[in-house]
Amino acid sequence: MRIGIYGGTFDPPHLGHLRAAELARESLCLDRVWFMVAQDPPHKRDREKNPFSTRLQMASLAVMGNPHFEVSNFEAKKGLSYTVDTMRALKESYSHSFFLIVGEDSFHEFPTWRDYESLVRENDIIVIKRKWTPFSPPDWAERMGLKIKYLREGERECGRGIYYLSCATLPISSSMVREKIRRGLSIRYLVPEPVLEYIFKEVLYR
């Protein structure tokens, strides 16, 4: 099967995550998207976050009802979550074709990731970019001579490689949701309803 790997802290998961995953699934003919909850992402060690089990529970609630979405606890006991290691471990454990799904901001920041050149050379990647920004691959990608394929929303391709997917994503971030909760503002229609109920039941982000 063709499996998309969508990693993140998901603290909390929001509708922007779900929409991006659905667009990637549809555009690249993915059979499933696995939401890979990061145990301890190195680039977010300076920020307090909810325990892995809490974030895993919220992600599970977020994908309920979509038969193409699953939540993975693959990184549960891996300590620091390095994407290059996770992707290698997945390929050793399964016979699927894996596609790493990342946001455009993360793709531009790849040089700060562990062994990013190997990550790029070894994996098929789907870069979710915002429709209203111009197509502009980062300088490091040009230096590596990467061949990047550009797909507009509504186009489909079932091949392999590195894809820029231009689509109308929802301008929502986890930090925005957390800030609204701290300020006592509504987060309805920013996160799935089961996630909203869980956040307030567990009194998170106060």
N, C-alpha and C. Protein backbone atom coordinates (compact mmCIF):
# COMPACT_ATOMS: atom_id res chain seq x y z
N MET A 1 0.83 -1.20 0.00
CA MET A 1 0.00 0.00 0.00
C MET A 1 0.87 1.26 0.00
N ARG A 2 0.28 2.35 -0.45
CA ARG A 2 0.92 3.66 -0.41
C ARG A 2 0.46 4.36 0.87
N ILE A 3 1.42 4.59 1.77
CA ILE A 3 1.10 5.13 3.09
C ILE A 3 1.76 6.49 3.27
N GLY A 4 0.97 7.49 3.63
CA GLY A 4 1.52 8.79 3.97
C GLY A 4 1.84 8.84 5.45
N ILE A 5 3.02 9.36 5.79
CA ILE A 5 3.43 9.51 7.19
C ILE A 5 3.41 11.00 7.53
N TYR A 6 2.48 11.35 8.40
CA TYR A 6 2.31 12.75 8.78
C TYR A 6 2.70 12.90 10.24
N GLY A 7 3.91 13.39 10.47
CA GLY A 7 4.43 13.47 11.83
C GLY A 7 4.17 14.82 12.48
N GLY A 8 4.15 14.82 13.80
CA GLY A 8 3.98 16.06 14.53
C GLY A 8 3.73 15.80 16.00
N THR A 9 3.74 16.88 16.78
CA THR A 9 3.41 16.73 18.20
C THR A 9 1.90 16.63 18.39
N PHE A 10 1.14 17.26 17.49
CA PHE A 10 -0.33 17.25 17.57
C PHE A 10 -0.80 17.65 18.97
N ASP A 11 -0.42 18.87 19.33
CA ASP A 11 -0.66 19.37 20.68
C ASP A 11 -1.35 20.74 20.65
N PRO A 12 -2.63 20.78 20.23
CA PRO A 12 -3.50 19.66 19.87
C PRO A 12 -3.59 19.48 18.34
N PRO A 13 -4.16 18.36 17.89
CA PRO A 13 -4.47 18.21 16.47
C PRO A 13 -5.65 19.13 16.11
N HIS A 14 -5.62 19.68 14.91
CA HIS A 14 -6.68 20.60 14.51
C HIS A 14 -7.16 20.28 13.09
N LEU A 15 -8.14 21.02 12.65
CA LEU A 15 -8.73 20.75 11.34
C LEU A 15 -7.75 21.02 10.20
N GLY A 16 -6.79 21.91 10.41
CA GLY A 16 -5.76 22.14 9.39
C GLY A 16 -4.94 20.89 9.13
N HIS A 17 -4.60 20.15 10.20
CA HIS A 17 -3.89 18.88 10.04
C HIS A 17 -4.70 17.91 9.20
N LEU A 18 -5.98 17.79 9.52
CA LEU A 18 -6.83 16.82 8.83
C LEU A 18 -7.01 17.18 7.36
N ARG A 19 -7.20 18.46 7.09
CA ARG A 19 -7.39 18.89 5.70
C ARG A 19 -6.13 18.66 4.88
N ALA A 20 -4.97 18.98 5.43
CA ALA A 20 -3.71 18.76 4.72
C ALA A 20 -3.51 17.28 4.41
N ALA A 21 -3.80 16.42 5.39
CA ALA A 21 -3.65 14.98 5.19
C ALA A 21 -4.59 14.46 4.12
N GLU A 22 -5.81 14.97 4.10
CA GLU A 22 -6.79 14.53 3.11
C GLU A 22 -6.39 14.97 1.70
N LEU A 23 -5.87 16.18 1.57
CA LEU A 23 -5.42 16.65 0.26
C LEU A 23 -4.22 15.83 -0.24
N ALA A 24 -3.30 15.51 0.65
CA ALA A 24 -2.16 14.67 0.27
C ALA A 24 -2.62 13.29 -0.15
N ARG A 25 -3.55 12.72 0.62
CA ARG A 25 -4.07 11.38 0.30
C ARG A 25 -4.71 11.35 -1.08
N GLU A 26 -5.54 12.34 -1.35
CA GLU A 26 -6.27 12.37 -2.61
C GLU A 26 -5.34 12.64 -3.79
N SER A 27 -4.42 13.57 -3.64
CA SER A 27 -3.57 14.00 -4.76
C SER A 27 -2.53 12.97 -5.14
N LEU A 28 -2.00 12.22 -4.16
CA LEU A 28 -0.93 11.26 -4.43
C LEU A 28 -1.40 9.82 -4.35
N CYS A 29 -2.70 9.60 -4.41
CA CYS A 29 -3.26 8.24 -4.47
C CYS A 29 -2.82 7.39 -3.27
N LEU A 30 -2.83 7.98 -2.09
CA LEU A 30 -2.43 7.25 -0.90
C LEU A 30 -3.59 6.37 -0.41
N ASP A 31 -3.25 5.18 0.04
CA ASP A 31 -4.27 4.29 0.60
C ASP A 31 -4.60 4.67 2.04
N ARG A 32 -3.59 5.13 2.77
CA ARG A 32 -3.77 5.51 4.17
C ARG A 32 -2.85 6.68 4.50
N VAL A 33 -3.23 7.41 5.52
CA VAL A 33 -2.32 8.38 6.13
C VAL A 33 -2.19 8.01 7.60
N TRP A 34 -0.94 7.80 8.03
CA TRP A 34 -0.67 7.50 9.44
C TRP A 34 -0.21 8.78 10.12
N PHE A 35 -0.94 9.18 11.15
CA PHE A 35 -0.54 10.33 11.95
C PHE A 35 0.47 9.84 12.98
N MET A 36 1.73 10.22 12.77
CA MET A 36 2.84 9.74 13.58
C MET A 36 3.09 10.73 14.72
N VAL A 37 2.59 10.41 15.90
CA VAL A 37 2.74 11.30 17.05
C VAL A 37 4.17 11.22 17.55
N ALA A 38 4.85 12.36 17.59
CA ALA A 38 6.26 12.40 17.99
C ALA A 38 6.39 12.26 19.51
N GLN A 39 7.27 11.39 19.92
CA GLN A 39 7.53 11.21 21.34
C GLN A 39 8.25 12.43 21.93
N ASP A 40 9.36 12.81 21.32
CA ASP A 40 10.17 13.92 21.84
C ASP A 40 10.90 14.59 20.68
N PRO A 41 10.20 15.47 19.93
CA PRO A 41 10.85 16.11 18.77
C PRO A 41 11.96 17.06 19.20
N PRO A 42 13.17 16.89 18.66
CA PRO A 42 14.32 17.70 19.10
C PRO A 42 14.11 19.20 18.93
N HIS A 43 13.42 19.62 17.87
CA HIS A 43 13.27 21.05 17.61
C HIS A 43 12.19 21.70 18.49
N LYS A 44 11.53 20.90 19.34
CA LYS A 44 10.52 21.47 20.23
C LYS A 44 10.78 21.12 21.69
N ARG A 45 12.03 20.82 22.01
CA ARG A 45 12.37 20.44 23.38
C ARG A 45 12.28 21.61 24.34
N ASP A 46 12.36 22.83 23.80
CA ASP A 46 12.32 24.01 24.67
C ASP A 46 10.89 24.43 25.00
N ARG A 47 9.89 23.71 24.47
CA ARG A 47 8.50 24.06 24.74
C ARG A 47 7.84 22.97 25.56
N GLU A 48 7.14 23.39 26.61
CA GLU A 48 6.39 22.42 27.41
C GLU A 48 5.26 21.85 26.58
N LYS A 49 5.08 20.55 26.64
CA LYS A 49 4.03 19.91 25.86
C LYS A 49 3.36 18.84 26.69
N ASN A 50 2.18 18.44 26.27
CA ASN A 50 1.46 17.39 26.97
C ASN A 50 2.16 16.05 26.82
N PRO A 51 1.93 15.12 27.74
CA PRO A 51 2.54 13.80 27.63
C PRO A 51 2.16 13.11 26.33
N PHE A 52 3.01 12.21 25.90
CA PHE A 52 2.78 11.47 24.66
C PHE A 52 1.42 10.81 24.66
N SER A 53 1.03 10.19 25.78
CA SER A 53 -0.25 9.47 25.84
C SER A 53 -1.43 10.41 25.62
N THR A 54 -1.33 11.63 26.12
CA THR A 54 -2.41 12.61 25.95
C THR A 54 -2.50 13.04 24.50
N ARG A 55 -1.37 13.30 23.88
CA ARG A 55 -1.37 13.73 22.49
C ARG A 55 -1.81 12.60 21.57
N LEU A 56 -1.44 11.38 21.91
CA LEU A 56 -1.87 10.22 21.13
C LEU A 56 -3.40 10.06 21.21
N GLN A 57 -3.95 10.27 22.40
CA GLN A 57 -5.40 10.17 22.57
C GLN A 57 -6.12 11.24 21.76
N MET A 58 -5.62 12.47 21.78
CA MET A 58 -6.25 13.53 21.01
C MET A 58 -6.19 13.25 19.52
N ALA A 59 -5.05 12.74 19.05
CA ALA A 59 -4.93 12.41 17.63
C ALA A 59 -5.91 11.30 17.24
N SER A 60 -6.07 10.32 18.11
CA SER A 60 -7.01 9.23 17.84
C SER A 60 -8.44 9.76 17.75
N LEU A 61 -8.78 10.69 18.62
CA LEU A 61 -10.11 11.30 18.57
C LEU A 61 -10.29 12.12 17.30
N ALA A 62 -9.22 12.77 16.86
CA ALA A 62 -9.31 13.64 15.69
C ALA A 62 -9.61 12.87 14.41
N VAL A 63 -9.08 11.66 14.27
CA VAL A 63 -9.22 10.92 13.01
C VAL A 63 -10.43 9.98 13.00
N MET A 64 -11.16 9.96 14.08
CA MET A 64 -12.33 9.07 14.15
C MET A 64 -13.27 9.34 12.99
N GLY A 65 -13.75 8.26 12.37
CA GLY A 65 -14.72 8.40 11.30
C GLY A 65 -14.12 8.44 9.91
N ASN A 66 -12.80 8.58 9.79
CA ASN A 66 -12.16 8.57 8.47
C ASN A 66 -11.44 7.23 8.31
N PRO A 67 -11.92 6.35 7.43
CA PRO A 67 -11.31 5.02 7.29
C PRO A 67 -9.92 5.05 6.68
N HIS A 68 -9.52 6.19 6.13
CA HIS A 68 -8.20 6.30 5.52
C HIS A 68 -7.14 6.82 6.48
N PHE A 69 -7.56 7.27 7.65
CA PHE A 69 -6.64 7.84 8.62
C PHE A 69 -6.43 6.88 9.78
N GLU A 70 -5.18 6.78 10.23
CA GLU A 70 -4.83 6.00 11.41
C GLU A 70 -3.84 6.78 12.26
N VAL A 71 -3.78 6.47 13.52
CA VAL A 71 -2.80 7.08 14.42
C VAL A 71 -1.79 6.02 14.81
N SER A 72 -0.52 6.37 14.75
CA SER A 72 0.55 5.42 15.06
C SER A 72 1.28 5.81 16.35
N ASN A 73 1.56 4.81 17.16
CA ASN A 73 2.38 5.02 18.37
C ASN A 73 3.79 4.46 18.15
N PHE A 74 4.21 4.43 16.89
CA PHE A 74 5.49 3.84 16.51
C PHE A 74 6.66 4.47 17.25
N GLU A 75 6.54 5.73 17.60
CA GLU A 75 7.64 6.43 18.27
C GLU A 75 7.50 6.43 19.79
N ALA A 76 6.60 5.62 20.32
CA ALA A 76 6.28 5.66 21.76
C ALA A 76 7.50 5.48 22.65
N LYS A 77 8.42 4.62 22.28
CA LYS A 77 9.55 4.32 23.15
C LYS A 77 10.89 4.68 22.51
N LYS A 78 10.86 5.64 21.59
CA LYS A 78 12.07 5.95 20.85
C LYS A 78 12.85 7.15 21.38
N GLY A 79 12.40 7.78 22.45
CA GLY A 79 13.11 8.94 22.96
C GLY A 79 13.04 10.07 21.96
N LEU A 80 14.19 10.67 21.65
CA LEU A 80 14.21 11.74 20.65
C LEU A 80 13.70 11.23 19.31
N SER A 81 12.82 12.00 18.68
CA SER A 81 12.16 11.56 17.45
C SER A 81 12.85 12.17 16.23
N TYR A 82 13.79 11.45 15.66
CA TYR A 82 14.45 11.91 14.45
C TYR A 82 13.75 11.28 13.24
N THR A 83 13.28 12.11 12.34
CA THR A 83 12.47 11.62 11.22
C THR A 83 13.24 10.64 10.35
N VAL A 84 14.51 10.91 10.11
CA VAL A 84 15.29 10.01 9.25
C VAL A 84 15.34 8.60 9.84
N ASP A 85 15.44 8.50 11.17
CA ASP A 85 15.48 7.19 11.81
C ASP A 85 14.11 6.51 11.78
N THR A 86 13.06 7.30 12.00
CA THR A 86 11.71 6.74 11.98
C THR A 86 11.38 6.18 10.61
N MET A 87 11.70 6.91 9.56
CA MET A 87 11.39 6.44 8.20
C MET A 87 12.17 5.17 7.87
N ARG A 88 13.42 5.09 8.31
CA ARG A 88 14.20 3.87 8.07
C ARG A 88 13.60 2.69 8.82
N ALA A 89 13.19 2.93 10.06
CA ALA A 89 12.61 1.86 10.87
C ALA A 89 11.28 1.39 10.29
N LEU A 90 10.50 2.29 9.78
CA LEU A 90 9.23 1.90 9.15
C LEU A 90 9.46 1.00 7.95
N LYS A 91 10.44 1.34 7.14
CA LYS A 91 10.73 0.54 5.95
C LYS A 91 11.25 -0.85 6.32
N GLU A 92 11.94 -0.93 7.45
CA GLU A 92 12.43 -2.23 7.91
C GLU A 92 11.30 -3.09 8.48
N SER A 93 10.26 -2.43 8.99
CA SER A 93 9.17 -3.13 9.67
C SER A 93 8.01 -3.49 8.76
N TYR A 94 7.84 -2.76 7.66
CA TYR A 94 6.69 -2.96 6.77
C TYR A 94 7.15 -3.02 5.32
N SER A 95 6.28 -3.56 4.48
CA SER A 95 6.58 -3.65 3.05
C SER A 95 5.84 -2.59 2.24
N HIS A 96 5.26 -1.60 2.90
CA HIS A 96 4.51 -0.55 2.21
C HIS A 96 5.46 0.44 1.53
N SER A 97 4.89 1.25 0.63
CA SER A 97 5.59 2.40 0.08
C SER A 97 5.21 3.61 0.93
N PHE A 98 6.20 4.25 1.53
CA PHE A 98 5.92 5.34 2.45
C PHE A 98 6.23 6.70 1.82
N PHE A 99 5.38 7.67 2.13
CA PHE A 99 5.52 9.05 1.68
C PHE A 99 5.52 9.95 2.91
N LEU A 100 6.57 10.71 3.09
CA LEU A 100 6.64 11.63 4.20
C LEU A 100 5.88 12.90 3.85
N ILE A 101 4.91 13.29 4.69
CA ILE A 101 4.12 14.49 4.48
C ILE A 101 4.63 15.58 5.43
N VAL A 102 5.03 16.72 4.86
CA VAL A 102 5.53 17.82 5.68
C VAL A 102 4.95 19.14 5.16
N GLY A 103 4.88 20.12 6.03
CA GLY A 103 4.48 21.46 5.62
C GLY A 103 5.63 22.16 4.92
N GLU A 104 5.31 23.18 4.14
CA GLU A 104 6.34 23.91 3.41
C GLU A 104 7.36 24.53 4.35
N ASP A 105 6.91 25.05 5.49
CA ASP A 105 7.84 25.65 6.45
C ASP A 105 8.87 24.63 6.92
N SER A 106 8.39 23.43 7.26
CA SER A 106 9.30 22.37 7.72
C SER A 106 10.28 21.98 6.62
N PHE A 107 9.81 21.90 5.39
CA PHE A 107 10.67 21.52 4.27
C PHE A 107 11.81 22.53 4.11
N HIS A 108 11.50 23.80 4.24
CA HIS A 108 12.53 24.83 4.13
C HIS A 108 13.54 24.73 5.28
N GLU A 109 13.11 24.18 6.42
CA GLU A 109 13.98 24.07 7.59
C GLU A 109 14.72 22.73 7.66
N PHE A 110 14.62 21.92 6.64
CA PHE A 110 15.27 20.60 6.66
C PHE A 110 16.76 20.64 7.02
N PRO A 111 17.53 21.64 6.61
CA PRO A 111 18.95 21.65 6.99
C PRO A 111 19.18 21.65 8.49
N THR A 112 18.16 21.99 9.29
CA THR A 112 18.31 21.95 10.74
C THR A 112 17.94 20.58 11.29
N TRP A 113 17.47 19.67 10.43
CA TRP A 113 17.06 18.34 10.86
C TRP A 113 18.25 17.38 10.77
N ARG A 114 18.21 16.35 11.56
CA ARG A 114 19.30 15.37 11.59
C ARG A 114 19.42 14.66 10.24
N ASP A 115 20.63 14.67 9.68
CA ASP A 115 20.96 13.94 8.45
C ASP A 115 19.90 14.18 7.37
N TYR A 116 19.60 15.46 7.15
CA TYR A 116 18.49 15.79 6.24
C TYR A 116 18.75 15.36 4.80
N GLU A 117 20.03 15.37 4.37
CA GLU A 117 20.31 14.97 2.99
C GLU A 117 19.95 13.51 2.77
N SER A 118 20.23 12.66 3.74
CA SER A 118 19.83 11.25 3.62
C SER A 118 18.31 11.13 3.66
N LEU A 119 17.67 11.92 4.52
CA LEU A 119 16.21 11.90 4.60
C LEU A 119 15.60 12.20 3.24
N VAL A 120 16.14 13.20 2.56
CA VAL A 120 15.59 13.61 1.27
C VAL A 120 15.89 12.58 0.19
N ARG A 121 17.10 12.05 0.18
CA ARG A 121 17.48 11.11 -0.87
C ARG A 121 16.80 9.75 -0.73
N GLU A 122 16.48 9.39 0.51
CA GLU A 122 15.94 8.04 0.75
C GLU A 122 14.42 7.96 0.69
N ASN A 123 13.73 9.10 0.65
CA ASN A 123 12.28 9.07 0.83
C ASN A 123 11.51 9.83 -0.24
N ASP A 124 10.30 9.37 -0.48
CA ASP A 124 9.31 10.12 -1.25
C ASP A 124 8.68 11.13 -0.29
N ILE A 125 8.51 12.35 -0.74
CA ILE A 125 8.08 13.43 0.15
C ILE A 125 6.95 14.22 -0.51
N ILE A 126 5.95 14.55 0.29
CA ILE A 126 4.86 15.41 -0.14
C ILE A 126 4.95 16.69 0.69
N VAL A 127 5.19 17.81 0.02
CA VAL A 127 5.30 19.10 0.70
C VAL A 127 3.97 19.85 0.51
N ILE A 128 3.31 20.14 1.62
CA ILE A 128 2.04 20.87 1.56
C ILE A 128 2.35 22.36 1.59
N LYS A 129 2.03 23.05 0.51
CA LYS A 129 2.28 24.48 0.45
C LYS A 129 0.97 25.23 0.35
N ARG A 130 0.97 26.49 0.76
CA ARG A 130 -0.24 27.29 0.71
C ARG A 130 -0.47 27.82 -0.70
N LYS A 131 -1.70 27.78 -1.09
CA LYS A 131 -2.07 28.11 -2.46
C LYS A 131 -1.68 29.53 -2.84
N TRP A 132 -1.70 30.44 -1.86
CA TRP A 132 -1.49 31.85 -2.18
C TRP A 132 -0.02 32.26 -2.14
N THR A 133 0.88 31.34 -1.91
CA THR A 133 2.30 31.68 -1.95
C THR A 133 2.92 31.13 -3.24
N PRO A 134 3.92 31.81 -3.81
CA PRO A 134 4.52 31.35 -5.06
C PRO A 134 5.34 30.09 -4.86
N PHE A 135 5.50 29.34 -5.94
CA PHE A 135 6.30 28.11 -5.92
C PHE A 135 7.76 28.50 -5.85
N SER A 136 8.41 28.21 -4.73
CA SER A 136 9.79 28.64 -4.52
C SER A 136 10.54 27.60 -3.71
N PRO A 137 11.15 26.60 -4.36
CA PRO A 137 11.93 25.60 -3.62
C PRO A 137 13.08 26.25 -2.87
N PRO A 138 13.45 25.73 -1.73
CA PRO A 138 14.55 26.33 -0.95
C PRO A 138 15.89 26.19 -1.67
N ASP A 139 16.82 27.06 -1.30
CA ASP A 139 18.14 27.05 -1.94
C ASP A 139 18.83 25.70 -1.78
N TRP A 140 18.70 25.10 -0.59
CA TRP A 140 19.41 23.84 -0.36
C TRP A 140 18.92 22.75 -1.31
N ALA A 141 17.63 22.77 -1.67
CA ALA A 141 17.08 21.77 -2.60
C ALA A 141 17.67 21.95 -3.98
N GLU A 142 17.87 23.20 -4.38
CA GLU A 142 18.48 23.47 -5.68
C GLU A 142 19.94 23.03 -5.68
N ARG A 143 20.64 23.26 -4.56
CA ARG A 143 22.05 22.84 -4.48
C ARG A 143 22.17 21.31 -4.57
N MET A 144 21.18 20.59 -4.03
CA MET A 144 21.20 19.13 -4.11
C MET A 144 20.73 18.62 -5.46
N GLY A 145 20.22 19.52 -6.28
CA GLY A 145 19.75 19.11 -7.60
C GLY A 145 18.48 18.28 -7.56
N LEU A 146 17.63 18.55 -6.57
CA LEU A 146 16.41 17.76 -6.43
C LEU A 146 15.43 18.06 -7.56
N LYS A 147 14.80 17.03 -8.05
CA LYS A 147 13.74 17.18 -9.04
C LYS A 147 12.41 17.19 -8.28
N ILE A 148 11.79 18.35 -8.22
CA ILE A 148 10.54 18.51 -7.47
C ILE A 148 9.38 18.66 -8.44
N LYS A 149 8.37 17.85 -8.25
CA LYS A 149 7.19 17.91 -9.10
C LYS A 149 6.13 18.79 -8.43
N TYR A 150 5.46 19.60 -9.22
CA TYR A 150 4.51 20.57 -8.70
C TYR A 150 3.10 20.16 -9.08
N LEU A 151 2.24 19.98 -8.07
CA LEU A 151 0.85 19.61 -8.31
C LEU A 151 -0.07 20.70 -7.77
N ARG A 152 -1.02 21.10 -8.60
CA ARG A 152 -2.07 22.01 -8.14
C ARG A 152 -3.22 21.20 -7.57
N GLU A 153 -4.01 21.85 -6.71
CA GLU A 153 -5.16 21.17 -6.12
C GLU A 153 -6.09 20.69 -7.23
N GLY A 154 -6.49 19.44 -7.14
CA GLY A 154 -7.35 18.84 -8.16
C GLY A 154 -6.59 17.94 -9.11
N GLU A 155 -5.26 18.11 -9.19
CA GLU A 155 -4.44 17.23 -10.02
C GLU A 155 -4.06 15.99 -9.20
N ARG A 156 -3.92 14.86 -9.89
CA ARG A 156 -3.54 13.63 -9.20
C ARG A 156 -2.37 12.98 -9.93
N GLU A 157 -1.49 12.39 -9.14
CA GLU A 157 -0.39 11.62 -9.70
C GLU A 157 -0.07 10.49 -8.74
N CYS A 158 0.09 9.31 -9.28
CA CYS A 158 0.31 8.12 -8.44
C CYS A 158 1.74 7.62 -8.54
N GLY A 159 2.68 8.53 -8.78
CA GLY A 159 4.08 8.14 -8.92
C GLY A 159 4.85 8.25 -7.61
N ARG A 160 6.15 8.38 -7.73
CA ARG A 160 7.04 8.50 -6.59
C ARG A 160 7.92 9.72 -6.79
N GLY A 161 8.51 10.22 -5.70
CA GLY A 161 9.40 11.36 -5.81
C GLY A 161 9.09 12.41 -4.77
N ILE A 162 9.48 13.65 -5.06
CA ILE A 162 9.22 14.78 -4.18
C ILE A 162 8.20 15.68 -4.85
N TYR A 163 7.11 15.95 -4.15
CA TYR A 163 6.01 16.72 -4.71
C TYR A 163 5.74 17.96 -3.87
N TYR A 164 5.54 19.09 -4.55
CA TYR A 164 4.98 20.28 -3.93
C TYR A 164 3.49 20.26 -4.26
N LEU A 165 2.66 20.25 -3.26
CA LEU A 165 1.22 20.23 -3.45
C LEU A 165 0.65 21.58 -3.07
N SER A 166 0.20 22.34 -4.06
CA SER A 166 -0.39 23.65 -3.83
C SER A 166 -1.87 23.47 -3.57
N CYS A 167 -2.32 23.87 -2.40
CA CYS A 167 -3.71 23.62 -2.04
C CYS A 167 -4.19 24.66 -1.03
N ALA A 168 -5.50 24.75 -0.93
CA ALA A 168 -6.11 25.72 -0.01
C ALA A 168 -6.19 25.11 1.38
N THR A 169 -5.09 25.16 2.12
CA THR A 169 -5.08 24.63 3.48
C THR A 169 -5.75 25.62 4.43
N LEU A 170 -6.13 25.13 5.59
CA LEU A 170 -6.78 25.98 6.58
C LEU A 170 -5.72 26.68 7.42
N PRO A 171 -5.81 28.00 7.57
CA PRO A 171 -4.79 28.76 8.33
C PRO A 171 -4.96 28.61 9.84
N ILE A 172 -4.71 27.39 10.31
CA ILE A 172 -4.85 27.08 11.73
C ILE A 172 -3.53 26.49 12.21
N SER A 173 -3.13 26.81 13.43
CA SER A 173 -1.94 26.21 14.02
C SER A 173 -2.26 25.77 15.44
N SER A 174 -1.49 24.81 15.93
CA SER A 174 -1.68 24.36 17.31
C SER A 174 -1.41 25.48 18.30
N SER A 175 -0.41 26.31 17.99
CA SER A 175 -0.09 27.42 18.89
C SER A 175 -1.25 28.41 18.95
N MET A 176 -1.94 28.62 17.83
CA MET A 176 -3.11 29.49 17.81
C MET A 176 -4.20 28.93 18.72
N VAL A 177 -4.43 27.62 18.63
CA VAL A 177 -5.47 26.99 19.45
C VAL A 177 -5.12 27.11 20.92
N ARG A 178 -3.86 26.84 21.28
CA ARG A 178 -3.46 26.93 22.68
C ARG A 178 -3.63 28.34 23.22
N GLU A 179 -3.26 29.33 22.41
CA GLU A 179 -3.36 30.72 22.84
C GLU A 179 -4.82 31.13 23.05
N LYS A 180 -5.71 30.69 22.18
CA LYS A 180 -7.12 31.02 22.33
C LYS A 180 -7.67 30.42 23.63
N ILE A 181 -7.26 29.20 23.95
CA ILE A 181 -7.73 28.57 25.18
C ILE A 181 -7.23 29.36 26.38
N ARG A 182 -5.96 29.75 26.37
CA ARG A 182 -5.40 30.52 27.49
C ARG A 182 -6.13 31.85 27.68
N ARG A 183 -6.61 32.41 26.57
CA ARG A 183 -7.31 33.69 26.64
C ARG A 183 -8.82 33.54 26.86
N GLY A 184 -9.28 32.31 26.98
CA GLY A 184 -10.69 32.07 27.22
C GLY A 184 -11.56 32.25 25.99
N LEU A 185 -10.97 32.12 24.80
CA LEU A 185 -11.70 32.29 23.55
C LEU A 185 -12.14 30.94 23.00
N SER A 186 -13.14 30.95 22.13
CA SER A 186 -13.68 29.72 21.57
C SER A 186 -12.71 29.08 20.58
N ILE A 187 -12.60 27.75 20.62
CA ILE A 187 -11.84 27.01 19.62
C ILE A 187 -12.75 26.11 18.80
N ARG A 188 -14.05 26.30 18.93
CA ARG A 188 -15.00 25.52 18.14
C ARG A 188 -14.77 25.79 16.65
N TYR A 189 -14.80 24.72 15.85
CA TYR A 189 -14.55 24.76 14.41
C TYR A 189 -13.09 24.96 14.04
N LEU A 190 -12.21 24.94 15.04
CA LEU A 190 -10.77 24.91 14.79
C LEU A 190 -10.22 23.51 15.01
N VAL A 191 -10.82 22.77 15.93
CA VAL A 191 -10.44 21.40 16.21
C VAL A 191 -11.68 20.52 16.07
N PRO A 192 -11.50 19.21 15.81
CA PRO A 192 -12.66 18.31 15.76
C PRO A 192 -13.41 18.33 17.09
N GLU A 193 -14.70 18.14 17.04
CA GLU A 193 -15.52 18.22 18.24
C GLU A 193 -15.06 17.27 19.34
N PRO A 194 -14.70 16.00 19.03
CA PRO A 194 -14.23 15.11 20.11
C PRO A 194 -12.96 15.62 20.78
N VAL A 195 -12.10 16.29 20.01
CA VAL A 195 -10.88 16.86 20.58
C VAL A 195 -11.22 18.04 21.48
N LEU A 196 -12.14 18.87 21.04
CA LEU A 196 -12.58 19.99 21.85
C LEU A 196 -13.12 19.51 23.20
N GLU A 197 -13.97 18.49 23.16
CA GLU A 197 -14.55 17.96 24.40
C GLU A 197 -13.47 17.39 25.32
N TYR A 198 -12.49 16.71 24.74
CA TYR A 198 -11.40 16.13 25.53
C TYR A 198 -10.56 17.22 26.19
N ILE A 199 -10.25 18.26 25.43
CA ILE A 199 -9.43 19.36 25.97
C ILE A 199 -10.09 19.97 27.20
N PHE A 200 -11.39 20.20 27.12
CA PHE A 200 -12.05 20.85 28.25
C PHE A 200 -12.34 19.88 29.38
N LYS A 201 -12.53 18.62 29.06
CA LYS A 201 -12.71 17.63 30.11
C LYS A 201 -11.44 17.47 30.94
N GLU A 202 -10.29 17.47 30.25
CA GLU A 202 -9.00 17.27 30.91
C GLU A 202 -8.35 18.59 31.36
N VAL A 203 -9.00 19.70 31.08
CA VAL A 203 -8.51 21.04 31.46
C VAL A 203 -7.09 21.26 30.94
N LEU A 204 -6.93 21.14 29.63
CA LEU A 204 -5.62 21.30 29.00
C LEU A 204 -5.38 22.75 28.56
N TYR A 205 -4.12 23.13 28.53
CA TYR A 205 -3.66 24.42 28.01
C TYR A 205 -4.11 25.62 28.84
N ARG A 206 -4.37 25.40 30.10
CA ARG A 206 -4.78 26.51 30.96
C ARG A 206 -3.57 27.15 31.64
